Amino acid sequence: KACDGGESGPPIETGSGMSGEGWSQPPTMAEQYGWSVFKALCSILMLGFEGPPMTNTLCNNLASDWCKIEHMITLTCLWIGALFYAFIVSTITTILASLNVSRGRYEEKIMRAQEYMRHRKIPVDLRDKVRDFYAIRYPEGRVLEEDAILDELPRPLKEELLRHAARELIQLVPLLSSSPVHLTHKMAAAIVPVVSFPEEVLCQEGHYGDTMFFIHSGMVQIYSQYIDQVYHTIGDGCYFGDVAIMCHTRRTATCKASMHC
């Protein structure tokens, strides 16, 4: 009676999950598994199952060999595009990461210092002092393995790089800028950057010393045991500690930083 009345039944669904209208005959087991793999690969590419990927408009019969080839070629092209896109993204990410290697070292150094201070339960004021040290020592927020780089270079080239790195200080300090070239080069190669905090004693009167200081930035107060107040204050471009070195004697005054140096 259903046939006589012209009523049609629901559309037939095949084992592959696609509408039966695309098959001229029921698919085989191999075809069902093949289309299942096809759907799984489409799912990885975030393609829906409302219909097959865009192929040749003449490909209406999913059971034909040409339709199978057409769908696999389409899927292969989609995968190549996805892999190429992933390759571009990963390459750009690698380039950006390599540009910030020194920045990453700085952040890692800060994190290790903070973890150590938390473990040792360091007071807050002392933690701030440690953070200030890193901010002054690495003003650009970058940590370069300068010692490791210089150790691999021959001595003449190493000294030339050190002279170039100290060129700003050489121009700032009259003693260095007006000295003979060979002496300036020797002293520039021996300069080591040091960070000092307010009230930090750099030289103690009466002690022996083997270090001379050049002030790049900051202020240093000079005291004497024979005077109750500050004897003198020096700043950028000045130097101290030279008497103990040249005369092989004890320090003749106490030098204390009055600000970050």
C-alpha atoms as a PDB file:
ATOM      1  CA  LYS A   1       0.000   0.000   0.000  1.00  0.00           C
ATOM      2  CA  ALA A   2       2.868   2.349   0.657  1.00  0.00           C
ATOM      3  CA  CYS A   3       4.085   1.837  -2.907  1.00  0.00           C
ATOM      4  CA  ASP A   4       0.570   2.248  -4.343  1.00  0.00           C
ATOM      5  CA  GLY A   5       0.112   5.493  -2.417  1.00  0.00           C
ATOM      6  CA  GLY A   6       3.360   6.924  -3.816  1.00  0.00           C
ATOM      7  CA  GLU A   7       4.958   7.357  -0.362  1.00  0.00           C
ATOM      8  CA  SER A   8       8.745   7.141  -0.226  1.00  0.00           C
ATOM      9  CA  GLY A   9      10.755   5.666   2.663  1.00  0.00           C
ATOM     10  CA  PRO A  10      13.646   7.390   4.476  1.00  0.00           C
ATOM     11  CA  PRO A  11      16.992   7.715   2.653  1.00  0.00           C
ATOM     12  CA  ILE A  12      19.262   4.726   2.985  1.00  0.00           C
ATOM     13  CA  GLU A  13      22.446   5.298   5.019  1.00  0.00           C
ATOM     14  CA  THR A  14      25.425   3.196   4.032  1.00  0.00           C
ATOM     15  CA  GLY A  15      28.091   1.812   6.315  1.00  0.00           C
ATOM     16  CA  SER A  16      30.452   4.646   5.374  1.00  0.00           C
ATOM     17  CA  GLY A  17      28.208   7.268   6.979  1.00  0.00           C
ATOM     18  CA  MET A  18      27.636   9.191   3.729  1.00  0.00           C
ATOM     19  CA  SER A  19      24.259   9.427   2.112  1.00  0.00           C
ATOM     20  CA  GLY A  20      23.283   6.400   0.082  1.00  0.00           C
ATOM     21  CA  GLU A  21      22.502   8.629  -2.845  1.00  0.00           C
ATOM     22  CA  GLY A  22      26.243   8.761  -3.608  1.00  0.00           C
ATOM     23  CA  TRP A  23      26.509   5.001  -4.094  1.00  0.00           C
ATOM     24  CA  SER A  24      25.246   3.118  -7.124  1.00  0.00           C
ATOM     25  CA  GLN A  25      25.537  -0.093  -5.114  1.00  0.00           C
ATOM     26  CA  PRO A  26      26.207  -1.033  -1.465  1.00  0.00           C
ATOM     27  CA  PRO A  27      29.901  -0.438  -0.589  1.00  0.00           C
ATOM     28  CA  THR A  28      32.220  -3.302   0.226  1.00  0.00           C
ATOM     29  CA  MET A  29      33.907  -3.738   3.597  1.00  0.00           C
ATOM     30  CA  ALA A  30      37.191  -2.346   2.223  1.00  0.00           C
ATOM     31  CA  GLU A  31      35.394   0.727   0.889  1.00  0.00           C
ATOM     32  CA  GLN A  32      33.690   1.321   4.231  1.00  0.00           C
ATOM     33  CA  TYR A  33      36.998   1.138   6.102  1.00  0.00           C
ATOM     34  CA  GLY A  34      38.653   3.314   3.473  1.00  0.00           C
ATOM     35  CA  TRP A  35      36.008   6.033   3.828  1.00  0.00           C
ATOM     36  CA  SER A  36      36.225   5.711   7.617  1.00  0.00           C
ATOM     37  CA  VAL A  37      39.955   6.487   7.427  1.00  0.00           C
ATOM     38  CA  PHE A  38      39.130   9.336   5.043  1.00  0.00           C
ATOM     39  CA  LYS A  39      36.702  10.790   7.579  1.00  0.00           C
ATOM     40  CA  ALA A  40      39.203  10.388  10.414  1.00  0.00           C
ATOM     41  CA  LEU A  41      41.821  12.325   8.465  1.00  0.00           C
ATOM     42  CA  CYS A  42      39.249  14.985   7.627  1.00  0.00           C
ATOM     43  CA  SER A  43      38.360  15.212  11.309  1.00  0.00           C
ATOM     44  CA  ILE A  44      42.000  15.978  12.181  1.00  0.00           C
ATOM     45  CA  LEU A  45      41.861  18.854   9.700  1.00  0.00           C
ATOM     46  CA  MET A  46      38.648  20.068  11.391  1.00  0.00           C
ATOM     47  CA  LEU A  47      36.494  19.314   8.323  1.00  0.00           C
ATOM     48  CA  GLY A  48      32.823  18.536   8.907  1.00  0.00           C
ATOM     49  CA  PHE A  49      30.847  15.580   7.587  1.00  0.00           C
ATOM     50  CA  GLU A  50      27.940  17.484   6.063  1.00  0.00           C
ATOM     51  CA  GLY A  51      29.359  16.522   2.744  1.00  0.00           C
ATOM     52  CA  PRO A  52      32.623  15.354   1.112  1.00  0.00           C
ATOM     53  CA  PRO A  53      35.393  17.867   0.388  1.00  0.00           C
ATOM     54  CA  MET A  54      35.078  19.962  -2.756  1.00  0.00           C
ATOM     55  CA  THR A  55      36.043  17.797  -5.752  1.00  0.00           C
ATOM     56  CA  ASN A  56      35.262  17.564  -9.443  1.00  0.00           C
ATOM     57  CA  THR A  57      31.598  18.332 -10.093  1.00  0.00           C
ATOM     58  CA  LEU A  58      31.354  15.171 -12.215  1.00  0.00           C
ATOM     59  CA  CYS A  59      32.285  13.004  -9.221  1.00  0.00           C
ATOM     60  CA  ASN A  60      28.805  11.884  -8.159  1.00  0.00           C
ATOM     61  CA  ASN A  61      29.330   8.169  -7.735  1.00  0.00           C
ATOM     62  CA  LEU A  62      31.456   7.459  -4.651  1.00  0.00           C
ATOM     63  CA  ALA A  63      31.945   3.860  -5.738  1.00  0.00           C
ATOM     64  CA  SER A  64      33.811   4.802  -8.906  1.00  0.00           C
ATOM     65  CA  ASP A  65      37.603   4.590  -8.886  1.00  0.00           C
ATOM     66  CA  TRP A  66      37.941   8.125 -10.211  1.00  0.00           C
ATOM     67  CA  CYS A  67      35.882   9.543  -7.339  1.00  0.00           C
ATOM     68  CA  LYS A  68      38.056   7.722  -4.819  1.00  0.00           C
ATOM     69  CA  ILE A  69      41.205   9.114  -6.439  1.00  0.00           C
ATOM     70  CA  GLU A  70      39.635  12.563  -6.604  1.00  0.00           C
ATOM     71  CA  HIS A  71      38.796  12.553  -2.877  1.00  0.00           C
ATOM     72  CA  MET A  72      42.237  11.241  -1.851  1.00  0.00           C
ATOM     73  CA  ILE A  73      43.987  13.866  -3.970  1.00  0.00           C
ATOM     74  CA  THR A  74      41.866  16.557  -2.341  1.00  0.00           C
ATOM     75  CA  LEU A  75      42.650  15.236   1.134  1.00  0.00           C
ATOM     76  CA  THR A  76      46.363  14.996   0.314  1.00  0.00           C
ATOM     77  CA  CYS A  77      46.415  18.635  -0.832  1.00  0.00           C
ATOM     78  CA  LEU A  78      44.638  19.716   2.339  1.00  0.00           C
ATOM     79  CA  TRP A  79      47.193  17.859   4.468  1.00  0.00           C
ATOM     80  CA  ILE A  80      50.111  19.354   2.551  1.00  0.00           C
ATOM     81  CA  GLY A  81      48.650  22.808   3.126  1.00  0.00           C
ATOM     82  CA  ALA A  82      48.150  22.147   6.846  1.00  0.00           C
ATOM     83  CA  LEU A  83      51.700  20.805   7.258  1.00  0.00           C
ATOM     84  CA  PHE A  84      53.138  23.743   5.333  1.00  0.00           C
ATOM     85  CA  TYR A  85      51.216  26.154   7.550  1.00  0.00           C
ATOM     86  CA  ALA A  86      52.501  24.369  10.681  1.00  0.00           C
ATOM     87  CA  PHE A  87      56.050  24.530   9.274  1.00  0.00           C
ATOM     88  CA  ILE A  88      55.788  28.289   8.708  1.00  0.00           C
ATOM     89  CA  VAL A  89      54.417  28.871  12.207  1.00  0.00           C
ATOM     90  CA  SER A  90      57.135  26.750  13.838  1.00  0.00           C
ATOM     91  CA  THR A  91      59.872  28.467  11.815  1.00  0.00           C
ATOM     92  CA  ILE A  92      58.666  31.943  12.777  1.00  0.00           C
ATOM     93  CA  THR A  93      58.406  30.864  16.418  1.00  0.00           C
ATOM     94  CA  THR A  94      61.975  29.523  16.333  1.00  0.00           C
ATOM     95  CA  ILE A  95      63.279  32.758  14.804  1.00  0.00           C
ATOM     96  CA  LEU A  96      61.533  34.899  17.399  1.00  0.00           C
ATOM     97  CA  ALA A  97      62.814  32.670  20.207  1.00  0.00           C
ATOM     98  CA  SER A  98      66.398  32.879  18.902  1.00  0.00           C
ATOM     99  CA  LEU A  99      66.182  36.671  18.823  1.00  0.00           C
ATOM    100  CA  ASN A 100      65.389  36.748  22.544  1.00  0.00           C
ATOM    101  CA  VAL A 101      67.933  34.226  23.825  1.00  0.00           C
ATOM    102  CA  SER A 102      69.736  36.819  25.934  1.00  0.00           C
ATOM    103  CA  ARG A 103      66.403  38.100  27.257  1.00  0.00           C
ATOM    104  CA  GLY A 104      65.448  34.553  28.199  1.00  0.00           C
ATOM    105  CA  ARG A 105      68.717  34.117  30.100  1.00  0.00           C
ATOM    106  CA  TYR A 106      68.011  37.297  32.042  1.00  0.00           C
ATOM    107  CA  GLU A 107      64.495  36.171  32.987  1.00  0.00           C
ATOM    108  CA  GLU A 108      65.822  32.734  33.951  1.00  0.00           C
ATOM    109  CA  LYS A 109      68.477  34.325  36.168  1.00  0.00           C
ATOM    110  CA  ILE A 110      65.831  36.484  37.859  1.00  0.00           C
ATOM    111  CA  MET A 111      63.540  33.494  38.416  1.00  0.00           C
ATOM    112  CA  ARG A 112      66.349  31.440  39.949  1.00  0.00           C
ATOM    113  CA  ALA A 113      67.278  34.303  42.263  1.00  0.00           C
ATOM    114  CA  GLN A 114      63.655  34.742  43.344  1.00  0.00           C
ATOM    115  CA  GLU A 115      63.252  31.019  43.949  1.00  0.00           C
ATOM    116  CA  TYR A 116      66.408  30.977  46.058  1.00  0.00           C
ATOM    117  CA  MET A 117      65.242  33.966  48.114  1.00  0.00           C
ATOM    118  CA  ARG A 118      61.849  32.366  48.715  1.00  0.00           C
ATOM    119  CA  HIS A 119      63.521  29.127  49.789  1.00  0.00           C
ATOM    120  CA  ARG A 120      65.833  30.959  52.200  1.00  0.00           C
ATOM    121  CA  LYS A 121      63.019  33.253  53.389  1.00  0.00           C
ATOM    122  CA  ILE A 122      65.038  36.361  52.608  1.00  0.00           C
ATOM    123  CA  PRO A 123      63.516  39.624  53.965  1.00  0.00           C
ATOM    124  CA  VAL A 124      61.623  41.819  51.521  1.00  0.00           C
ATOM    125  CA  ASP A 125      64.074  44.724  51.704  1.00  0.00           C
ATOM    126  CA  LEU A 126      66.979  42.426  50.880  1.00  0.00           C
ATOM    127  CA  ARG A 127      65.019  40.924  47.987  1.00  0.00           C
ATOM    128  CA  ASP A 128      64.469  44.400  46.597  1.00  0.00           C
ATOM    129  CA  LYS A 129      68.182  45.023  46.858  1.00  0.00           C
ATOM    130  CA  VAL A 130      68.928  41.891  44.819  1.00  0.00           C
ATOM    131  CA  ARG A 131      66.411  42.939  42.151  1.00  0.00           C
ATOM    132  CA  ASP A 132      67.994  46.390  42.028  1.00  0.00           C
ATOM    133  CA  PHE A 133      71.374  44.780  41.466  1.00  0.00           C
ATOM    134  CA  TYR A 134      70.158  42.874  38.407  1.00  0.00           C
ATOM    135  CA  ALA A 135      68.365  45.950  37.083  1.00  0.00           C
ATOM    136  CA  ILE A 136      71.580  48.005  37.342  1.00  0.00           C
ATOM    137  CA  ARG A 137      73.947  45.255  36.215  1.00  0.00           C
ATOM    138  CA  TYR A 138      71.819  44.394  33.159  1.00  0.00           C
ATOM    139  CA  PRO A 139      70.032  47.655  32.247  1.00  0.00           C
ATOM    140  CA  GLU A 140      68.867  46.305  28.872  1.00  0.00           C
ATOM    141  CA  GLY A 141      67.379  43.168  30.406  1.00  0.00           C
ATOM    142  CA  ARG A 142      69.791  40.891  28.552  1.00  0.00           C
ATOM    143  CA  VAL A 143      72.425  38.467  29.817  1.00  0.00           C
ATOM    144  CA  LEU A 144      75.321  37.800  27.453  1.00  0.00           C
ATOM    145  CA  GLU A 145      77.872  35.082  28.119  1.00  0.00           C
ATOM    146  CA  GLU A 146      80.709  37.544  27.642  1.00  0.00           C
ATOM    147  CA  ASP A 147      83.346  35.522  29.482  1.00  0.00           C
ATOM    148  CA  ALA A 148      82.638  32.387  27.467  1.00  0.00           C
ATOM    149  CA  ILE A 149      82.781  34.351  24.216  1.00  0.00           C
ATOM    150  CA  LEU A 150      86.013  36.163  25.057  1.00  0.00           C
ATOM    151  CA  ASP A 151      87.764  33.006  26.294  1.00  0.00           C
ATOM    152  CA  GLU A 152      87.484  31.488  22.812  1.00  0.00           C
ATOM    153  CA  LEU A 153      89.114  34.477  21.100  1.00  0.00           C
ATOM    154  CA  PRO A 154      92.866  35.054  20.643  1.00  0.00           C
ATOM    155  CA  ARG A 155      94.399  37.506  23.086  1.00  0.00           C
ATOM    156  CA  PRO A 156      94.886  40.468  20.671  1.00  0.00           C
ATOM    157  CA  LEU A 157      91.303  40.252  19.459  1.00  0.00           C
ATOM    158  CA  LYS A 158      90.039  39.859  23.022  1.00  0.00           C
ATOM    159  CA  GLU A 159      91.888  42.997  24.163  1.00  0.00           C
ATOM    160  CA  GLU A 160      90.548  44.934  21.190  1.00  0.00           C
ATOM    161  CA  LEU A 161      86.977  43.976  22.078  1.00  0.00           C
ATOM    162  CA  LEU A 162      87.510  44.950  25.709  1.00  0.00           C
ATOM    163  CA  ARG A 163      88.908  48.333  24.674  1.00  0.00           C
ATOM    164  CA  HIS A 164      85.875  48.911  22.504  1.00  0.00           C
ATOM    165  CA  ALA A 165      83.531  47.937  25.355  1.00  0.00           C
ATOM    166  CA  ALA A 166      85.304  50.389  27.699  1.00  0.00           C
ATOM    167  CA  ARG A 167      85.480  53.265  25.206  1.00  0.00           C
ATOM    168  CA  GLU A 168      82.750  55.245  27.000  1.00  0.00           C
ATOM    169  CA  LEU A 169      84.555  55.011  30.335  1.00  0.00           C
ATOM    170  CA  ILE A 170      87.876  55.907  28.711  1.00  0.00           C
ATOM    171  CA  GLN A 171      86.397  59.107  27.312  1.00  0.00           C
ATOM    172  CA  LEU A 172      84.753  59.895  30.657  1.00  0.00           C
ATOM    173  CA  VAL A 173      87.868  59.519  32.826  1.00  0.00           C
ATOM    174  CA  PRO A 174      90.543  62.167  32.086  1.00  0.00           C
ATOM    175  CA  LEU A 175      93.287  59.901  33.420  1.00  0.00           C
ATOM    176  CA  LEU A 176      92.501  57.279  30.792  1.00  0.00           C
ATOM    177  CA  SER A 177      91.777  59.594  27.892  1.00  0.00           C
ATOM    178  CA  SER A 178      95.004  61.576  28.368  1.00  0.00           C
ATOM    179  CA  SER A 179      97.324  58.612  29.059  1.00  0.00           C
ATOM    180  CA  PRO A 180      99.533  57.000  26.404  1.00  0.00           C
ATOM    181  CA  VAL A 181      97.648  54.666  24.093  1.00  0.00           C
ATOM    182  CA  HIS A 182      99.431  51.493  25.164  1.00  0.00           C
ATOM    183  CA  LEU A 183      98.752  52.236  28.851  1.00  0.00           C
ATOM    184  CA  THR A 184      95.092  52.981  28.173  1.00  0.00           C
ATOM    185  CA  HIS A 185      94.749  49.721  26.259  1.00  0.00           C
ATOM    186  CA  LYS A 186      96.278  47.722  29.093  1.00  0.00           C
ATOM    187  CA  MET A 187      94.041  49.321  31.695  1.00  0.00           C
ATOM    188  CA  ALA A 188      90.907  48.971  29.560  1.00  0.00           C
ATOM    189  CA  ALA A 189      91.544  45.236  29.191  1.00  0.00           C
ATOM    190  CA  ALA A 190      91.675  44.864  32.994  1.00  0.00           C
ATOM    191  CA  ILE A 191      88.470  46.799  33.801  1.00  0.00           C
ATOM    192  CA  VAL A 192      85.710  44.740  35.418  1.00  0.00           C
ATOM    193  CA  PRO A 193      82.202  46.187  35.964  1.00  0.00           C
ATOM    194  CA  VAL A 194      81.110  46.427  39.619  1.00  0.00           C
ATOM    195  CA  VAL A 195      77.736  47.482  41.067  1.00  0.00           C
ATOM    196  CA  SER A 196      77.659  49.255  44.434  1.00  0.00           C
ATOM    197  CA  PHE A 197      74.734  50.206  46.674  1.00  0.00           C
ATOM    198  CA  PRO A 198      74.291  53.234  48.935  1.00  0.00           C
ATOM    199  CA  GLU A 199      76.322  53.089  52.150  1.00  0.00           C
ATOM    200  CA  GLU A 200      78.483  50.290  50.773  1.00  0.00           C
ATOM    201  CA  VAL A 201      82.149  50.620  51.753  1.00  0.00           C
ATOM    202  CA  LEU A 202      84.402  50.211  48.748  1.00  0.00           C
ATOM    203  CA  CYS A 203      87.729  50.993  50.400  1.00  0.00           C
ATOM    204  CA  GLN A 204      88.523  50.807  54.112  1.00  0.00           C
ATOM    205  CA  GLU A 205      91.171  53.103  55.526  1.00  0.00           C
ATOM    206  CA  GLY A 206      94.165  51.212  56.893  1.00  0.00           C
ATOM    207  CA  HIS A 207      93.595  48.102  54.771  1.00  0.00           C
ATOM    208  CA  TYR A 208      95.833  46.907  52.000  1.00  0.00           C
ATOM    209  CA  GLY A 209      94.289  46.998  48.527  1.00  0.00           C
ATOM    210  CA  ASP A 210      95.058  45.782  45.034  1.00  0.00           C
ATOM    211  CA  THR A 211      92.084  47.395  43.283  1.00  0.00           C
ATOM    212  CA  MET A 212      91.585  50.800  41.727  1.00  0.00           C
ATOM    213  CA  PHE A 213      88.078  52.156  41.009  1.00  0.00           C
ATOM    214  CA  PHE A 214      86.783  54.310  38.158  1.00  0.00           C
ATOM    215  CA  ILE A 215      83.336  55.842  38.602  1.00  0.00           C
ATOM    216  CA  HIS A 216      81.158  55.464  35.533  1.00  0.00           C
ATOM    217  CA  SER A 217      78.028  56.787  37.225  1.00  0.00           C
ATOM    218  CA  GLY A 218      77.141  57.598  40.820  1.00  0.00           C
ATOM    219  CA  MET A 219      78.624  59.422  43.798  1.00  0.00           C
ATOM    220  CA  VAL A 220      81.266  58.276  46.297  1.00  0.00           C
ATOM    221  CA  GLN A 221      82.029  59.955  49.625  1.00  0.00           C
ATOM    222  CA  ILE A 222      85.557  59.960  51.061  1.00  0.00           C
ATOM    223  CA  TYR A 223      86.062  59.778  54.822  1.00  0.00           C
ATOM    224  CA  SER A 224      89.138  59.971  57.037  1.00  0.00           C
ATOM    225  CA  GLN A 225      89.601  58.848  60.604  1.00  0.00           C
ATOM    226  CA  TYR A 226      91.093  62.237  61.370  1.00  0.00           C
ATOM    227  CA  ILE A 227      87.997  64.149  60.199  1.00  0.00           C
ATOM    228  CA  ASP A 228      84.533  63.728  61.647  1.00  0.00           C
ATOM    229  CA  GLN A 229      82.670  64.643  58.474  1.00  0.00           C
ATOM    230  CA  VAL A 230      82.814  63.829  54.786  1.00  0.00           C
ATOM    231  CA  TYR A 231      86.198  64.902  53.477  1.00  0.00           C
ATOM    232  CA  HIS A 232      85.285  64.933  49.777  1.00  0.00           C
ATOM    233  CA  THR A 233      82.655  63.726  47.320  1.00  0.00           C
ATOM    234  CA  ILE A 234      83.516  62.523  43.823  1.00  0.00           C
ATOM    235  CA  GLY A 235      81.347  61.462  40.906  1.00  0.00           C
ATOM    236  CA  ASP A 236      81.336  60.441  37.248  1.00  0.00           C
ATOM    237  CA  GLY A 237      84.777  60.268  35.650  1.00  0.00           C
ATOM    238  CA  CYS A 238      86.673  60.274  38.950  1.00  0.00           C
ATOM    239  CA  TYR A 239      88.797  57.476  40.358  1.00  0.00           C
ATOM    240  CA  PHE A 240      90.128  56.354  43.748  1.00  0.00           C
ATOM    241  CA  GLY A 241      92.198  53.578  45.264  1.00  0.00           C
ATOM    242  CA  ASP A 242      95.276  54.416  43.208  1.00  0.00           C
ATOM    243  CA  VAL A 243      97.556  55.367  46.130  1.00  0.00           C
ATOM    244  CA  ALA A 244      97.544  51.905  47.682  1.00  0.00           C
ATOM    245  CA  ILE A 245      98.454  50.341  44.340  1.00  0.00           C
ATOM    246  CA  MET A 246     101.184  52.699  43.197  1.00  0.00           C
ATOM    247  CA  CYS A 247     102.813  53.155  46.638  1.00  0.00           C
ATOM    248  CA  HIS A 248     102.230  49.609  47.885  1.00  0.00           C
ATOM    249  CA  THR A 249     100.812  50.953  51.115  1.00  0.00           C
ATOM    250  CA  ARG A 250      97.611  50.876  53.124  1.00  0.00           C
ATOM    251  CA  ARG A 251      94.476  52.714  52.110  1.00  0.00           C
ATOM    252  CA  THR A 252      94.692  56.356  53.165  1.00  0.00           C
ATOM    253  CA  ALA A 253      90.923  56.952  53.318  1.00  0.00           C
ATOM    254  CA  THR A 254      87.581  55.194  53.472  1.00  0.00           C
ATOM    255  CA  CYS A 255      85.405  55.414  50.359  1.00  0.00           C
ATOM    256  CA  LYS A 256      81.688  54.798  50.642  1.00  0.00           C
ATOM    257  CA  ALA A 257      79.028  54.898  47.925  1.00  0.00           C
ATOM    258  CA  SER A 258      76.356  57.500  48.562  1.00  0.00           C
ATOM    259  CA  MET A 259      74.067  56.176  45.799  1.00  0.00           C
ATOM    260  CA  HIS A 260      73.909  53.360  43.271  1.00  0.00           C
ATOM    261  CA  CYS A 261      77.203  53.232  41.400  1.00  0.00           C
END
